[in-house]
């Protein structure tokens, strides 16, 4: 191990667009408190027919 790790995310709006394009409906974003003192967003939705 010991190698470099890189993380990327497409951003909030693009992520929501991708979920909708994949067939998820009723998307809801909730902000939660992190135990380390910051916040994070979680997206909830249902998979359409």
PDB file of N, CA and C in Angstrom:
ATOM      1  N   UNK A   1       0.845  -1.164   0.000  1.00  0.00           N
ATOM      2  CA  UNK A   1       0.000   0.000   0.000  1.00  0.00           C
ATOM      3  C   UNK A   1       0.894   1.231   0.000  1.00  0.00           C
ATOM      4  N   UNK A   2       0.553   2.228   0.741  1.00  0.00           N
ATOM      5  CA  UNK A   2       1.386   3.413   0.800  1.00  0.00           C
ATOM      6  C   UNK A   2       1.311   4.303  -0.428  1.00  0.00           C
ATOM      7  N   UNK A   3       0.430   3.978  -1.373  1.00  0.00           N
ATOM      8  CA  UNK A   3       0.312   4.792  -2.573  1.00  0.00           C
ATOM      9  C   UNK A   3      -0.562   6.007  -2.345  1.00  0.00           C
ATOM     10  N   UNK A   4      -0.549   6.894  -3.285  1.00  0.00           N
ATOM     11  CA  UNK A   4      -1.379   8.096  -3.220  1.00  0.00           C
ATOM     12  C   UNK A   4      -2.825   7.737  -3.533  1.00  0.00           C
ATOM     13  N   UNK A   5      -3.728   8.446  -2.878  1.00  0.00           N
ATOM     14  CA  UNK A   5      -5.153   8.261  -3.138  1.00  0.00           C
ATOM     15  C   UNK A   5      -5.738   9.587  -3.595  1.00  0.00           C
ATOM     16  N   UNK A   6      -6.546   9.539  -4.608  1.00  0.00           N
ATOM     17  CA  UNK A   6      -7.197  10.735  -5.132  1.00  0.00           C
ATOM     18  C   UNK A   6      -8.704  10.510  -5.140  1.00  0.00           C
ATOM     19  N   UNK A   7      -9.430  11.500  -4.690  1.00  0.00           N
ATOM     20  CA  UNK A   7     -10.884  11.427  -4.669  1.00  0.00           C
ATOM     21  C   UNK A   7     -11.434  12.598  -5.472  1.00  0.00           C
ATOM     22  N   UNK A   8     -12.501  12.353  -6.161  1.00  0.00           N
ATOM     23  CA  UNK A   8     -13.161  13.451  -6.854  1.00  0.00           C
ATOM     24  C   UNK A   8     -14.659  13.200  -6.841  1.00  0.00           C
ATOM     25  N   UNK A   9     -15.389  14.266  -6.893  1.00  0.00           N
ATOM     26  CA  UNK A   9     -16.845  14.194  -6.965  1.00  0.00           C
ATOM     27  C   UNK A   9     -17.291  15.252  -7.962  1.00  0.00           C
ATOM     28  N   UNK A  10     -18.355  14.974  -8.694  1.00  0.00           N
ATOM     29  CA  UNK A  10     -18.766  15.908  -9.735  1.00  0.00           C
ATOM     30  C   UNK A  10     -19.425  17.189  -9.216  1.00  0.00           C
ATOM     31  N   UNK A  11     -19.660  17.292  -7.935  1.00  0.00           N
ATOM     32  CA  UNK A  11     -20.325  18.474  -7.387  1.00  0.00           C
ATOM     33  C   UNK A  11     -21.800  18.205  -7.134  1.00  0.00           C
ATOM     34  N   UNK A  12     -22.386  19.060  -6.329  1.00  0.00           N
ATOM     35  CA  UNK A  12     -23.769  18.855  -5.883  1.00  0.00           C
ATOM     36  C   UNK A  12     -24.758  18.810  -7.046  1.00  0.00           C
ATOM     37  N   UNK A  13     -24.777  19.849  -7.874  1.00  0.00           N
ATOM     38  CA  UNK A  13     -25.770  19.923  -8.954  1.00  0.00           C
ATOM     39  C   UNK A  13     -25.598  18.792  -9.967  1.00  0.00           C
ATOM     40  N   UNK A  14     -24.382  18.516 -10.335  1.00  0.00           N
ATOM     41  CA  UNK A  14     -24.117  17.440 -11.313  1.00  0.00           C
ATOM     42  C   UNK A  14     -24.511  16.083 -10.730  1.00  0.00           C
ATOM     43  N   UNK A  15     -24.226  15.869  -9.457  1.00  0.00           N
ATOM     44  CA  UNK A  15     -24.605  14.614  -8.814  1.00  0.00           C
ATOM     45  C   UNK A  15     -26.124  14.444  -8.821  1.00  0.00           C
ATOM     46  N   UNK A  16     -26.847  15.497  -8.478  1.00  0.00           N
ATOM     47  CA  UNK A  16     -28.318  15.426  -8.489  1.00  0.00           C
ATOM     48  C   UNK A  16     -28.834  15.173  -9.903  1.00  0.00           C
ATOM     49  N   UNK A  17     -28.227  15.820 -10.891  1.00  0.00           N
ATOM     50  CA  UNK A  17     -28.615  15.593 -12.294  1.00  0.00           C
ATOM     51  C   UNK A  17     -28.359  14.138 -12.706  1.00  0.00           C
ATOM     52  N   UNK A  18     -27.220  13.591 -12.302  1.00  0.00           N
ATOM     53  CA  UNK A  18     -26.890  12.204 -12.653  1.00  0.00           C
ATOM     54  C   UNK A  18     -27.865  11.227 -11.998  1.00  0.00           C
ATOM     55  N   UNK A  19     -28.221  11.468 -10.755  1.00  0.00           N
ATOM     56  CA  UNK A  19     -29.180  10.588 -10.080  1.00  0.00           C
ATOM     57  C   UNK A  19     -30.540  10.640 -10.773  1.00  0.00           C
ATOM     58  N   UNK A  20     -30.979  11.833 -11.129  1.00  0.00           N
ATOM     59  CA  UNK A  20     -32.257  11.973 -11.836  1.00  0.00           C
ATOM     60  C   UNK A  20     -32.199  11.282 -13.197  1.00  0.00           C
ATOM     61  N   UNK A  21     -31.093  11.443 -13.911  1.00  0.00           N
ATOM     62  CA  UNK A  21     -30.932  10.815 -15.225  1.00  0.00           C
ATOM     63  C   UNK A  21     -30.897   9.285 -15.113  1.00  0.00           C
ATOM     64  N   UNK A  22     -30.447   8.785 -13.976  1.00  0.00           N
ATOM     65  CA  UNK A  22     -30.384   7.328 -13.763  1.00  0.00           C
ATOM     66  C   UNK A  22     -31.728   6.751 -13.327  1.00  0.00           C
ATOM     67  N   UNK A  23     -32.735   7.616 -13.165  1.00  0.00           N
ATOM     68  CA  UNK A  23     -34.069   7.128 -12.846  1.00  0.00           C
ATOM     69  C   UNK A  23     -34.501   7.313 -11.406  1.00  0.00           C
ATOM     70  N   UNK A  24     -33.705   7.998 -10.605  1.00  0.00           N
ATOM     71  CA  UNK A  24     -34.121   8.244  -9.227  1.00  0.00           C
ATOM     72  C   UNK A  24     -35.092   9.415  -9.184  1.00  0.00           C
ATOM     73  N   UNK A  25     -36.094   9.292  -8.331  1.00  0.00           N
ATOM     74  CA  UNK A  25     -37.143  10.300  -8.218  1.00  0.00           C
ATOM     75  C   UNK A  25     -37.248  10.773  -6.769  1.00  0.00           C
ATOM     76  N   UNK A  26     -37.997  11.845  -6.576  1.00  0.00           N
ATOM     77  CA  UNK A  26     -38.247  12.388  -5.235  1.00  0.00           C
ATOM     78  C   UNK A  26     -36.940  12.597  -4.473  1.00  0.00           C
ATOM     79  N   UNK A  27     -35.960  13.179  -5.142  1.00  0.00           N
ATOM     80  CA  UNK A  27     -34.668  13.404  -4.508  1.00  0.00           C
ATOM     81  C   UNK A  27     -34.796  14.438  -3.392  1.00  0.00           C
ATOM     82  N   UNK A  28     -34.198  14.128  -2.262  1.00  0.00           N
ATOM     83  CA  UNK A  28     -34.237  14.988  -1.088  1.00  0.00           C
ATOM     84  C   UNK A  28     -32.825  15.096  -0.539  1.00  0.00           C
ATOM     85  N   UNK A  29     -32.359  16.309  -0.315  1.00  0.00           N
ATOM     86  CA  UNK A  29     -31.024  16.539   0.229  1.00  0.00           C
ATOM     87  C   UNK A  29     -31.164  16.962   1.688  1.00  0.00           C
ATOM     88  N   UNK A  30     -30.433  16.294   2.552  1.00  0.00           N
ATOM     89  CA  UNK A  30     -30.429  16.655   3.963  1.00  0.00           C
ATOM     90  C   UNK A  30     -28.997  16.902   4.409  1.00  0.00           C
ATOM     91  N   UNK A  31     -28.822  17.942   5.193  1.00  0.00           N
ATOM     92  CA  UNK A  31     -27.523  18.268   5.761  1.00  0.00           C
ATOM     93  C   UNK A  31     -27.460  17.713   7.173  1.00  0.00           C
ATOM     94  N   UNK A  32     -26.417  16.984   7.463  1.00  0.00           N
ATOM     95  CA  UNK A  32     -26.259  16.372   8.791  1.00  0.00           C
ATOM     96  C   UNK A  32     -24.956  16.862   9.415  1.00  0.00           C
ATOM     97  N   UNK A  33     -24.948  16.870  10.726  1.00  0.00           N
ATOM     98  CA  UNK A  33     -23.745  17.257  11.462  1.00  0.00           C
ATOM     99  C   UNK A  33     -22.796  16.081  11.556  1.00  0.00           C
ATOM    100  N   UNK A  34     -21.538  16.372  11.321  1.00  0.00           N
ATOM    101  CA  UNK A  34     -20.470  15.388  11.437  1.00  0.00           C
ATOM    102  C   UNK A  34     -19.971  15.420  12.884  1.00  0.00           C
ATOM    103  N   UNK A  35     -19.672  14.265  13.471  1.00  0.00           N
ATOM    104  CA  UNK A  35     -19.190  14.269  14.853  1.00  0.00           C
ATOM    105  C   UNK A  35     -17.878  15.027  15.045  1.00  0.00           C
ATOM    106  N   UNK A  36     -17.182  15.327  13.958  1.00  0.00           N
ATOM    107  CA  UNK A  36     -15.926  16.065  14.070  1.00  0.00           C
ATOM    108  C   UNK A  36     -16.129  17.574  13.955  1.00  0.00           C
ATOM    109  N   UNK A  37     -17.394  18.004  13.846  1.00  0.00           N
ATOM    110  CA  UNK A  37     -17.686  19.426  13.840  1.00  0.00           C
ATOM    111  C   UNK A  37     -18.014  20.045  12.499  1.00  0.00           C
ATOM    112  N   UNK A  38     -18.050  19.270  11.440  1.00  0.00           N
ATOM    113  CA  UNK A  38     -18.422  19.825  10.134  1.00  0.00           C
ATOM    114  C   UNK A  38     -19.801  19.286   9.753  1.00  0.00           C
ATOM    115  N   UNK A  39     -20.211  19.551   8.539  1.00  0.00           N
ATOM    116  CA  UNK A  39     -21.494  19.039   8.044  1.00  0.00           C
ATOM    117  C   UNK A  39     -21.275  18.310   6.723  1.00  0.00           C
ATOM    118  N   UNK A  40     -22.213  17.436   6.405  1.00  0.00           N
ATOM    119  CA  UNK A  40     -22.188  16.695   5.141  1.00  0.00           C
ATOM    120  C   UNK A  40     -23.597  16.639   4.587  1.00  0.00           C
ATOM    121  N   UNK A  41     -23.698  16.561   3.271  1.00  0.00           N
ATOM    122  CA  UNK A  41     -25.006  16.422   2.635  1.00  0.00           C
ATOM    123  C   UNK A  41     -25.220  14.975   2.206  1.00  0.00           C
ATOM    124  N   UNK A  42     -26.421  14.479   2.461  1.00  0.00           N
ATOM    125  CA  UNK A  42     -26.825  13.162   2.010  1.00  0.00           C
ATOM    126  C   UNK A  42     -28.026  13.329   1.099  1.00  0.00           C
ATOM    127  N   UNK A  43     -28.083  12.509   0.048  1.00  0.00           N
ATOM    128  CA  UNK A  43     -29.195  12.553  -0.883  1.00  0.00           C
ATOM    129  C   UNK A  43     -30.007  11.273  -0.736  1.00  0.00           C
ATOM    130  N   UNK A  44     -31.313  11.442  -0.598  1.00  0.00           N
ATOM    131  CA  UNK A  44     -32.230  10.311  -0.506  1.00  0.00           C
ATOM    132  C   UNK A  44     -33.197  10.391  -1.684  1.00  0.00           C
ATOM    133  N   UNK A  45     -33.585   9.245  -2.196  1.00  0.00           N
ATOM    134  CA  UNK A  45     -34.518   9.211  -3.306  1.00  0.00           C
ATOM    135  C   UNK A  45     -35.057   7.803  -3.497  1.00  0.00           C
ATOM    136  N   UNK A  46     -35.977   7.684  -4.414  1.00  0.00           N
ATOM    137  CA  UNK A  46     -36.536   6.390  -4.750  1.00  0.00           C
ATOM    138  C   UNK A  46     -36.237   6.100  -6.214  1.00  0.00           C
ATOM    139  N   UNK A  47     -36.038   4.838  -6.527  1.00  0.00           N
ATOM    140  CA  UNK A  47     -35.776   4.434  -7.907  1.00  0.00           C
ATOM    141  C   UNK A  47     -37.097   4.264  -8.612  1.00  0.00           C
ATOM    142  N   UNK A  48     -37.284   5.021  -9.690  1.00  0.00           N
ATOM    143  CA  UNK A  48     -38.528   4.970 -10.446  1.00  0.00           C
ATOM    144  C   UNK A  48     -38.688   3.661 -11.178  1.00  0.00           C
ATOM    145  N   UNK A  49     -39.854   3.477 -11.710  1.00  0.00           N
ATOM    146  CA  UNK A  49     -40.200   2.252 -12.446  1.00  0.00           C
ATOM    147  C   UNK A  49     -39.542   2.223 -13.804  1.00  0.00           C
TER     148      UNK A  49
END
